[in-house]
Amino acid sequence: LVKLWQLDGEETWILLHLEVQSQPESGFPERMFVYFYRLRDRYHVPIISLAILSDASPNWRPQEFEFEQWGCRIRFEFPIVKLLDYEQRWEELEASSNPFAMVVMAHLKAQSTRTNIDQRKRWKLNLTRQLGQKGYSRDEIVSLYRFIEWIVNLPPEAELEYQAELAQLQQEESMPYLSAIERTAQARGIEQGIEQGIEQERRSLVRRLLVRKLGELPAQAIAQLNALSLGQLEELSEVLLEFDRLDDLQTWLNSVR
């Protein structure tokens, strides 16, 4: 809930409904409408619904839900941001000091390098290097670094190479902004330690996101989460924002047994 002042100085309240959708879904426009009217009914303030489409399909661009029968008609339109469109605006992203520009760049490169580990490693190093060139605060740098670590994930061997190259880069360019987690990973330099640290961080992040989305998790769900592989955790991270109830999570967990 954000308090704003209009250009004429008038105070106003707007509830921003921000929906992130990672894959095409036929029922998505209707779900946007359902969330909109539920929020409107509950809070009785202006609601702005915005969809961020992070999927890999350039042609999927849902922007409205419409229903009509027997003279009763509903037409609900909502703005979208298609992250794929920013591939054509890469230079603009690189020049921007907005932290969300870095988020979008990391997302795009994570998406485009899934099948090319060498490119993925190079872009992860490139994005990490840019963190110190944007004028971000230390807290912003640490948060963005952790996001890059999570989304541009690497298999253990490539992660070791990345950490070694990052350590070399720090010596050559003096990068004091690296987070404590990253420095610890460098100091260990042990393959098993790096792999376990990445897994623990990703598992913890997925769990925190689920708690924020669905509330406290039952013991059974926590046990199943702890048993997931890194690949399954990655799959879960891509769909968890679509869950509305704990039952949705449990159904997904049961499906990967």
C-alpha atoms as a PDB file:
ATOM      1  CA  LEU A   1       0.000   0.000   0.000  1.00  0.00           C
ATOM      2  CA  VAL A   2       1.722   3.166  -1.203  1.00  0.00           C
ATOM      3  CA  LYS A   3       0.920   6.749  -0.220  1.00  0.00           C
ATOM      4  CA  LEU A   4       1.299   9.166  -3.119  1.00  0.00           C
ATOM      5  CA  TRP A   5       0.874  12.834  -3.885  1.00  0.00           C
ATOM      6  CA  GLN A   6      -0.537  13.741  -7.271  1.00  0.00           C
ATOM      7  CA  LEU A   7       1.044  16.467  -9.376  1.00  0.00           C
ATOM      8  CA  ASP A   8      -1.570  18.931  -8.126  1.00  0.00           C
ATOM      9  CA  GLY A   9      -0.495  18.214  -4.535  1.00  0.00           C
ATOM     10  CA  GLU A  10      -3.517  16.134  -3.615  1.00  0.00           C
ATOM     11  CA  GLU A  11      -2.823  13.163  -1.342  1.00  0.00           C
ATOM     12  CA  THR A  12      -4.059   9.788  -2.600  1.00  0.00           C
ATOM     13  CA  TRP A  13      -3.761   6.091  -1.845  1.00  0.00           C
ATOM     14  CA  ILE A  14      -3.292   3.434  -4.496  1.00  0.00           C
ATOM     15  CA  LEU A  15      -3.009  -0.309  -4.006  1.00  0.00           C
ATOM     16  CA  LEU A  16      -0.624  -1.780  -6.553  1.00  0.00           C
ATOM     17  CA  HIS A  17      -1.324  -5.371  -7.524  1.00  0.00           C
ATOM     18  CA  LEU A  18       1.871  -6.619  -9.147  1.00  0.00           C
ATOM     19  CA  GLU A  19       1.713 -10.086 -10.709  1.00  0.00           C
ATOM     20  CA  VAL A  20       4.832 -11.857 -11.998  1.00  0.00           C
ATOM     21  CA  GLN A  21       4.033 -14.650 -14.467  1.00  0.00           C
ATOM     22  CA  SER A  22       6.838 -16.973 -15.575  1.00  0.00           C
ATOM     23  CA  GLN A  23       5.009 -19.087 -18.147  1.00  0.00           C
ATOM     24  CA  PRO A  24       2.013 -18.817 -20.521  1.00  0.00           C
ATOM     25  CA  GLU A  25      -1.275 -19.751 -18.882  1.00  0.00           C
ATOM     26  CA  SER A  26      -4.700 -19.697 -20.518  1.00  0.00           C
ATOM     27  CA  GLY A  27      -6.491 -18.628 -17.339  1.00  0.00           C
ATOM     28  CA  PHE A  28      -4.074 -15.832 -16.458  1.00  0.00           C
ATOM     29  CA  PRO A  29      -6.272 -12.859 -17.580  1.00  0.00           C
ATOM     30  CA  GLU A  30      -9.194 -14.141 -15.528  1.00  0.00           C
ATOM     31  CA  ARG A  31      -6.938 -14.603 -12.494  1.00  0.00           C
ATOM     32  CA  MET A  32      -5.783 -10.995 -12.859  1.00  0.00           C
ATOM     33  CA  PHE A  33      -9.431  -9.914 -12.838  1.00  0.00           C
ATOM     34  CA  VAL A  34     -10.256 -12.080  -9.800  1.00  0.00           C
ATOM     35  CA  TYR A  35      -7.376 -10.612  -7.791  1.00  0.00           C
ATOM     36  CA  PHE A  36      -8.402  -7.109  -8.859  1.00  0.00           C
ATOM     37  CA  TYR A  37     -12.004  -7.354  -7.708  1.00  0.00           C
ATOM     38  CA  ARG A  38     -11.072  -9.138  -4.472  1.00  0.00           C
ATOM     39  CA  LEU A  39      -8.644  -6.349  -3.596  1.00  0.00           C
ATOM     40  CA  ARG A  40     -11.188  -3.701  -4.583  1.00  0.00           C
ATOM     41  CA  ASP A  41     -13.876  -5.345  -2.469  1.00  0.00           C
ATOM     42  CA  ARG A  42     -11.607  -5.648   0.549  1.00  0.00           C
ATOM     43  CA  TYR A  43      -9.872  -2.255   0.601  1.00  0.00           C
ATOM     44  CA  HIS A  44     -12.225   0.085  -1.312  1.00  0.00           C
ATOM     45  CA  VAL A  45      -9.324   2.110  -2.730  1.00  0.00           C
ATOM     46  CA  PRO A  46      -8.082   2.517  -6.319  1.00  0.00           C
ATOM     47  CA  ILE A  47      -6.419  -0.700  -7.496  1.00  0.00           C
ATOM     48  CA  ILE A  48      -3.750  -0.759 -10.210  1.00  0.00           C
ATOM     49  CA  SER A  49      -3.091  -4.252 -11.598  1.00  0.00           C
ATOM     50  CA  LEU A  50       0.175  -4.708 -13.478  1.00  0.00           C
ATOM     51  CA  ALA A  51       1.510  -7.946 -14.978  1.00  0.00           C
ATOM     52  CA  ILE A  52       5.227  -8.599 -15.410  1.00  0.00           C
ATOM     53  CA  LEU A  53       5.638 -11.384 -17.967  1.00  0.00           C
ATOM     54  CA  SER A  54       8.952 -13.170 -17.467  1.00  0.00           C
ATOM     55  CA  ASP A  55       8.226 -16.112 -19.761  1.00  0.00           C
ATOM     56  CA  ALA A  56      10.215 -17.043 -22.876  1.00  0.00           C
ATOM     57  CA  SER A  57       7.370 -16.775 -25.400  1.00  0.00           C
ATOM     58  CA  PRO A  58       7.562 -13.487 -27.364  1.00  0.00           C
ATOM     59  CA  ASN A  59       3.985 -13.728 -28.646  1.00  0.00           C
ATOM     60  CA  TRP A  60       2.173 -14.362 -25.357  1.00  0.00           C
ATOM     61  CA  ARG A  61       0.867 -10.960 -24.261  1.00  0.00           C
ATOM     62  CA  PRO A  62      -2.399 -11.238 -22.297  1.00  0.00           C
ATOM     63  CA  GLN A  63      -3.837  -7.801 -21.522  1.00  0.00           C
ATOM     64  CA  GLU A  64      -7.573  -8.221 -20.947  1.00  0.00           C
ATOM     65  CA  PHE A  65     -10.313 -10.416 -19.556  1.00  0.00           C
ATOM     66  CA  GLU A  66     -13.747 -10.196 -21.158  1.00  0.00           C
ATOM     67  CA  PHE A  67     -17.063 -11.885 -20.410  1.00  0.00           C
ATOM     68  CA  GLU A  68     -20.482 -11.267 -21.936  1.00  0.00           C
ATOM     69  CA  GLN A  69     -23.774 -13.112 -21.659  1.00  0.00           C
ATOM     70  CA  TRP A  70     -27.400 -11.996 -21.924  1.00  0.00           C
ATOM     71  CA  GLY A  71     -26.516  -8.336 -21.944  1.00  0.00           C
ATOM     72  CA  CYS A  72     -24.183  -8.560 -18.951  1.00  0.00           C
ATOM     73  CA  ARG A  73     -20.663  -7.607 -19.968  1.00  0.00           C
ATOM     74  CA  ILE A  74     -17.311  -7.253 -18.224  1.00  0.00           C
ATOM     75  CA  ARG A  75     -14.133  -5.977 -19.865  1.00  0.00           C
ATOM     76  CA  PHE A  76     -11.031  -5.746 -17.694  1.00  0.00           C
ATOM     77  CA  GLU A  77      -7.782  -4.419 -19.203  1.00  0.00           C
ATOM     78  CA  PHE A  78      -4.423  -4.336 -17.472  1.00  0.00           C
ATOM     79  CA  PRO A  79      -0.955  -3.095 -18.507  1.00  0.00           C
ATOM     80  CA  ILE A  80       1.880  -5.556 -18.986  1.00  0.00           C
ATOM     81  CA  VAL A  81       5.664  -5.413 -18.976  1.00  0.00           C
ATOM     82  CA  LYS A  82       7.240  -8.078 -21.189  1.00  0.00           C
ATOM     83  CA  LEU A  83      10.788  -8.645 -19.981  1.00  0.00           C
ATOM     84  CA  LEU A  84      11.823 -10.206 -23.296  1.00  0.00           C
ATOM     85  CA  ASP A  85      11.281  -6.814 -24.947  1.00  0.00           C
ATOM     86  CA  TYR A  86      14.239  -5.465 -22.965  1.00  0.00           C
ATOM     87  CA  GLU A  87      16.614  -7.651 -24.968  1.00  0.00           C
ATOM     88  CA  GLN A  88      16.302  -4.954 -27.645  1.00  0.00           C
ATOM     89  CA  ARG A  89      17.079  -2.295 -25.042  1.00  0.00           C
ATOM     90  CA  TRP A  90      20.206  -3.879 -23.577  1.00  0.00           C
ATOM     91  CA  GLU A  91      22.372  -0.787 -23.893  1.00  0.00           C
ATOM     92  CA  GLU A  92      19.724   1.202 -22.046  1.00  0.00           C
ATOM     93  CA  LEU A  93      19.707  -1.384 -19.251  1.00  0.00           C
ATOM     94  CA  GLU A  94      23.492  -1.334 -18.949  1.00  0.00           C
ATOM     95  CA  ALA A  95      23.522   2.463 -18.766  1.00  0.00           C
ATOM     96  CA  SER A  96      20.805   2.621 -16.124  1.00  0.00           C
ATOM     97  CA  SER A  97      21.535   2.944 -12.396  1.00  0.00           C
ATOM     98  CA  ASN A  98      18.065   1.652 -11.486  1.00  0.00           C
ATOM     99  CA  PRO A  99      18.537  -1.591  -9.494  1.00  0.00           C
ATOM    100  CA  PHE A 100      15.670  -3.176 -11.419  1.00  0.00           C
ATOM    101  CA  ALA A 101      17.703  -2.802 -14.616  1.00  0.00           C
ATOM    102  CA  MET A 102      20.229  -5.198 -13.104  1.00  0.00           C
ATOM    103  CA  VAL A 103      17.421  -7.558 -12.086  1.00  0.00           C
ATOM    104  CA  VAL A 104      16.097  -7.601 -15.655  1.00  0.00           C
ATOM    105  CA  MET A 105      19.566  -8.167 -17.132  1.00  0.00           C
ATOM    106  CA  ALA A 106      20.188 -11.085 -14.771  1.00  0.00           C
ATOM    107  CA  HIS A 107      16.812 -12.594 -15.641  1.00  0.00           C
ATOM    108  CA  LEU A 108      17.365 -12.276 -19.399  1.00  0.00           C
ATOM    109  CA  LYS A 109      20.822 -13.826 -19.278  1.00  0.00           C
ATOM    110  CA  ALA A 110      19.658 -16.624 -16.981  1.00  0.00           C
ATOM    111  CA  GLN A 111      16.937 -17.356 -19.515  1.00  0.00           C
ATOM    112  CA  SER A 112      19.079 -17.172 -22.652  1.00  0.00           C
ATOM    113  CA  THR A 113      22.070 -19.185 -21.346  1.00  0.00           C
ATOM    114  CA  ARG A 114      20.316 -22.201 -19.859  1.00  0.00           C
ATOM    115  CA  THR A 115      21.945 -24.554 -22.373  1.00  0.00           C
ATOM    116  CA  ASN A 116      25.344 -22.837 -22.605  1.00  0.00           C
ATOM    117  CA  ILE A 117      27.256 -23.065 -19.332  1.00  0.00           C
ATOM    118  CA  ASP A 118      30.322 -21.178 -20.600  1.00  0.00           C
ATOM    119  CA  GLN A 119      28.234 -18.189 -21.677  1.00  0.00           C
ATOM    120  CA  ARG A 120      26.269 -18.386 -18.436  1.00  0.00           C
ATOM    121  CA  LYS A 121      29.478 -18.236 -16.388  1.00  0.00           C
ATOM    122  CA  ARG A 122      30.833 -15.309 -18.425  1.00  0.00           C
ATOM    123  CA  TRP A 123      27.623 -13.330 -18.046  1.00  0.00           C
ATOM    124  CA  LYS A 124      27.435 -14.057 -14.325  1.00  0.00           C
ATOM    125  CA  LEU A 125      30.938 -12.641 -13.943  1.00  0.00           C
ATOM    126  CA  ASN A 126      30.074  -9.663 -16.157  1.00  0.00           C
ATOM    127  CA  LEU A 127      26.932  -8.842 -14.162  1.00  0.00           C
ATOM    128  CA  THR A 128      28.770  -9.169 -10.853  1.00  0.00           C
ATOM    129  CA  ARG A 129      31.463  -6.850 -12.153  1.00  0.00           C
ATOM    130  CA  GLN A 130      28.871  -4.225 -13.088  1.00  0.00           C
ATOM    131  CA  LEU A 131      27.551  -4.053  -9.521  1.00  0.00           C
ATOM    132  CA  GLY A 132      30.418  -1.802  -8.500  1.00  0.00           C
ATOM    133  CA  GLN A 133      29.951   0.543 -11.452  1.00  0.00           C
ATOM    134  CA  LYS A 134      26.346   1.663 -10.892  1.00  0.00           C
ATOM    135  CA  GLY A 135      26.612   3.784  -7.763  1.00  0.00           C
ATOM    136  CA  TYR A 136      24.481   1.401  -5.679  1.00  0.00           C
ATOM    137  CA  SER A 137      24.537   1.418  -1.897  1.00  0.00           C
ATOM    138  CA  ARG A 138      26.232  -1.486  -0.140  1.00  0.00           C
ATOM    139  CA  ASP A 139      22.869  -3.016   0.831  1.00  0.00           C
ATOM    140  CA  GLU A 140      21.672  -2.794  -2.782  1.00  0.00           C
ATOM    141  CA  ILE A 141      24.867  -4.433  -4.014  1.00  0.00           C
ATOM    142  CA  VAL A 142      24.594  -7.297  -1.533  1.00  0.00           C
ATOM    143  CA  SER A 143      20.914  -7.880  -2.378  1.00  0.00           C
ATOM    144  CA  LEU A 144      21.540  -7.767  -6.122  1.00  0.00           C
ATOM    145  CA  TYR A 145      24.545 -10.062  -5.820  1.00  0.00           C
ATOM    146  CA  ARG A 146      22.467 -12.619  -3.963  1.00  0.00           C
ATOM    147  CA  PHE A 147      19.779 -12.368  -6.642  1.00  0.00           C
ATOM    148  CA  ILE A 148      22.368 -12.971  -9.371  1.00  0.00           C
ATOM    149  CA  GLU A 149      23.760 -15.928  -7.396  1.00  0.00           C
ATOM    150  CA  TRP A 150      20.291 -17.426  -7.191  1.00  0.00           C
ATOM    151  CA  ILE A 151      18.982 -16.885 -10.695  1.00  0.00           C
ATOM    152  CA  VAL A 152      22.190 -17.328 -12.735  1.00  0.00           C
ATOM    153  CA  ASN A 153      23.043 -20.617 -11.053  1.00  0.00           C
ATOM    154  CA  LEU A 154      25.902 -22.813 -12.251  1.00  0.00           C
ATOM    155  CA  PRO A 155      26.775 -26.486 -11.858  1.00  0.00           C
ATOM    156  CA  PRO A 156      29.468 -27.112  -9.193  1.00  0.00           C
ATOM    157  CA  GLU A 157      32.464 -27.279 -11.535  1.00  0.00           C
ATOM    158  CA  ALA A 158      31.510 -24.083 -13.382  1.00  0.00           C
ATOM    159  CA  GLU A 159      30.738 -22.398 -10.047  1.00  0.00           C
ATOM    160  CA  LEU A 160      34.271 -23.158  -8.868  1.00  0.00           C
ATOM    161  CA  GLU A 161      35.695 -21.604 -12.037  1.00  0.00           C
ATOM    162  CA  TYR A 162      33.461 -18.553 -11.564  1.00  0.00           C
ATOM    163  CA  GLN A 163      34.583 -18.096  -7.968  1.00  0.00           C
ATOM    164  CA  ALA A 164      38.242 -18.361  -8.984  1.00  0.00           C
ATOM    165  CA  GLU A 165      37.812 -15.813 -11.776  1.00  0.00           C
ATOM    166  CA  LEU A 166      35.903 -13.516  -9.433  1.00  0.00           C
ATOM    167  CA  ALA A 167      38.708 -13.716  -6.864  1.00  0.00           C
ATOM    168  CA  GLN A 168      41.210 -12.804  -9.585  1.00  0.00           C
ATOM    169  CA  LEU A 169      39.016  -9.929 -10.715  1.00  0.00           C
ATOM    170  CA  GLN A 170      38.815  -8.598  -7.182  1.00  0.00           C
ATOM    171  CA  GLN A 171      42.600  -8.558  -6.917  1.00  0.00           C
ATOM    172  CA  GLU A 172      42.979  -6.758 -10.239  1.00  0.00           C
ATOM    173  CA  GLU A 173      40.186  -4.201  -9.853  1.00  0.00           C
ATOM    174  CA  SER A 174      39.691  -3.926  -6.081  1.00  0.00           C
ATOM    175  CA  MET A 175      36.064  -4.889  -5.510  1.00  0.00           C
ATOM    176  CA  PRO A 176      35.424  -4.325  -1.786  1.00  0.00           C
ATOM    177  CA  TYR A 177      31.657  -4.430  -2.262  1.00  0.00           C
ATOM    178  CA  LEU A 178      31.431  -8.237  -2.500  1.00  0.00           C
ATOM    179  CA  SER A 179      29.075  -9.694   0.088  1.00  0.00           C
ATOM    180  CA  ALA A 180      30.255 -11.636   3.097  1.00  0.00           C
ATOM    181  CA  ILE A 181      28.684 -14.794   1.678  1.00  0.00           C
ATOM    182  CA  GLU A 182      30.678 -14.474  -1.534  1.00  0.00           C
ATOM    183  CA  ARG A 183      33.953 -13.755   0.286  1.00  0.00           C
ATOM    184  CA  THR A 184      33.430 -16.802   2.495  1.00  0.00           C
ATOM    185  CA  ALA A 185      32.871 -18.962  -0.574  1.00  0.00           C
ATOM    186  CA  GLN A 186      36.118 -17.629  -2.058  1.00  0.00           C
ATOM    187  CA  ALA A 187      38.096 -18.308   1.116  1.00  0.00           C
ATOM    188  CA  ARG A 188      36.901 -21.900   1.370  1.00  0.00           C
ATOM    189  CA  GLY A 189      37.671 -22.719  -2.236  1.00  0.00           C
ATOM    190  CA  ILE A 190      36.323 -26.218  -1.634  1.00  0.00           C
ATOM    191  CA  GLU A 191      33.984 -27.705  -4.208  1.00  0.00           C
ATOM    192  CA  GLN A 192      31.740 -29.436  -1.720  1.00  0.00           C
ATOM    193  CA  GLY A 193      31.513 -26.351   0.484  1.00  0.00           C
ATOM    194  CA  ILE A 194      30.572 -24.108  -2.428  1.00  0.00           C
ATOM    195  CA  GLU A 195      27.955 -26.568  -3.672  1.00  0.00           C
ATOM    196  CA  GLN A 196      26.396 -26.965  -0.235  1.00  0.00           C
ATOM    197  CA  GLY A 197      26.419 -23.212   0.379  1.00  0.00           C
ATOM    198  CA  ILE A 198      24.621 -22.527  -2.902  1.00  0.00           C
ATOM    199  CA  GLU A 199      22.051 -25.228  -2.160  1.00  0.00           C
ATOM    200  CA  GLN A 200      21.388 -23.967   1.368  1.00  0.00           C
ATOM    201  CA  GLU A 201      21.003 -20.375   0.189  1.00  0.00           C
ATOM    202  CA  ARG A 202      18.625 -21.345  -2.606  1.00  0.00           C
ATOM    203  CA  ARG A 203      16.599 -23.651  -0.356  1.00  0.00           C
ATOM    204  CA  SER A 204      16.336 -20.926   2.295  1.00  0.00           C
ATOM    205  CA  LEU A 205      15.272 -18.331  -0.268  1.00  0.00           C
ATOM    206  CA  VAL A 206      12.556 -20.579  -1.752  1.00  0.00           C
ATOM    207  CA  ARG A 207      11.228 -21.308   1.711  1.00  0.00           C
ATOM    208  CA  ARG A 208      11.130 -17.605   2.643  1.00  0.00           C
ATOM    209  CA  LEU A 209       9.252 -16.808  -0.570  1.00  0.00           C
ATOM    210  CA  LEU A 210       6.722 -19.558   0.144  1.00  0.00           C
ATOM    211  CA  VAL A 211       6.143 -18.332   3.702  1.00  0.00           C
ATOM    212  CA  ARG A 212       5.634 -14.794   2.444  1.00  0.00           C
ATOM    213  CA  LYS A 213       3.212 -15.996  -0.228  1.00  0.00           C
ATOM    214  CA  LEU A 214       1.270 -18.674   1.702  1.00  0.00           C
ATOM    215  CA  GLY A 215       1.996 -18.171   5.404  1.00  0.00           C
ATOM    216  CA  GLU A 216       3.672 -20.616   7.785  1.00  0.00           C
ATOM    217  CA  LEU A 217       4.345 -24.014   6.218  1.00  0.00           C
ATOM    218  CA  PRO A 218       3.248 -27.305   7.800  1.00  0.00           C
ATOM    219  CA  ALA A 219       5.926 -29.749   8.959  1.00  0.00           C
ATOM    220  CA  GLN A 220       5.156 -32.195   6.139  1.00  0.00           C
ATOM    221  CA  ALA A 221       5.700 -29.535   3.464  1.00  0.00           C
ATOM    222  CA  ILE A 222       8.974 -28.435   5.106  1.00  0.00           C
ATOM    223  CA  ALA A 223      10.236 -32.026   5.135  1.00  0.00           C
ATOM    224  CA  GLN A 224       9.368 -32.418   1.454  1.00  0.00           C
ATOM    225  CA  LEU A 225      11.078 -29.113   0.613  1.00  0.00           C
ATOM    226  CA  ASN A 226      14.245 -30.224   2.360  1.00  0.00           C
ATOM    227  CA  ALA A 227      14.267 -33.393   0.260  1.00  0.00           C
ATOM    228  CA  LEU A 228      14.084 -31.590  -3.101  1.00  0.00           C
ATOM    229  CA  SER A 229      17.073 -31.614  -5.425  1.00  0.00           C
ATOM    230  CA  LEU A 230      18.606 -28.404  -6.781  1.00  0.00           C
ATOM    231  CA  GLY A 231      16.838 -28.979 -10.092  1.00  0.00           C
ATOM    232  CA  GLN A 232      13.490 -29.405  -8.355  1.00  0.00           C
ATOM    233  CA  LEU A 233      14.126 -26.273  -6.286  1.00  0.00           C
ATOM    234  CA  GLU A 234      14.728 -24.343  -9.497  1.00  0.00           C
ATOM    235  CA  GLU A 235      11.459 -25.675 -10.947  1.00  0.00           C
ATOM    236  CA  LEU A 236       9.621 -24.702  -7.762  1.00  0.00           C
ATOM    237  CA  SER A 237      11.108 -21.188  -7.801  1.00  0.00           C
ATOM    238  CA  GLU A 238       9.626 -20.672 -11.284  1.00  0.00           C
ATOM    239  CA  VAL A 239       6.056 -21.619 -10.301  1.00  0.00           C
ATOM    240  CA  LEU A 240       5.660 -20.711  -6.626  1.00  0.00           C
ATOM    241  CA  LEU A 241       4.343 -17.213  -7.371  1.00  0.00           C
ATOM    242  CA  GLU A 242       1.354 -18.870  -9.019  1.00  0.00           C
ATOM    243  CA  PHE A 243       0.321 -20.635  -5.802  1.00  0.00           C
ATOM    244  CA  ASP A 244      -2.695 -19.185  -3.997  1.00  0.00           C
ATOM    245  CA  ARG A 245      -3.104 -21.706  -1.167  1.00  0.00           C
ATOM    246  CA  LEU A 246      -1.039 -24.218   0.773  1.00  0.00           C
ATOM    247  CA  ASP A 247      -2.943 -26.921  -1.115  1.00  0.00           C
ATOM    248  CA  ASP A 248      -1.355 -25.683  -4.353  1.00  0.00           C
ATOM    249  CA  LEU A 249       2.108 -26.155  -2.864  1.00  0.00           C
ATOM    250  CA  GLN A 250       1.221 -29.590  -1.490  1.00  0.00           C
ATOM    251  CA  THR A 251      -0.146 -30.705  -4.848  1.00  0.00           C
ATOM    252  CA  TRP A 252       3.092 -29.646  -6.540  1.00  0.00           C
ATOM    253  CA  LEU A 253       5.251 -31.351  -3.920  1.00  0.00           C
ATOM    254  CA  ASN A 254       3.270 -34.564  -4.264  1.00  0.00           C
ATOM    255  CA  SER A 255       3.714 -34.458  -8.046  1.00  0.00           C
ATOM    256  CA  VAL A 256       7.537 -34.608  -7.804  1.00  0.00           C
ATOM    257  CA  ARG A 257       7.752 -37.661  -5.584  1.00  0.00           C
END
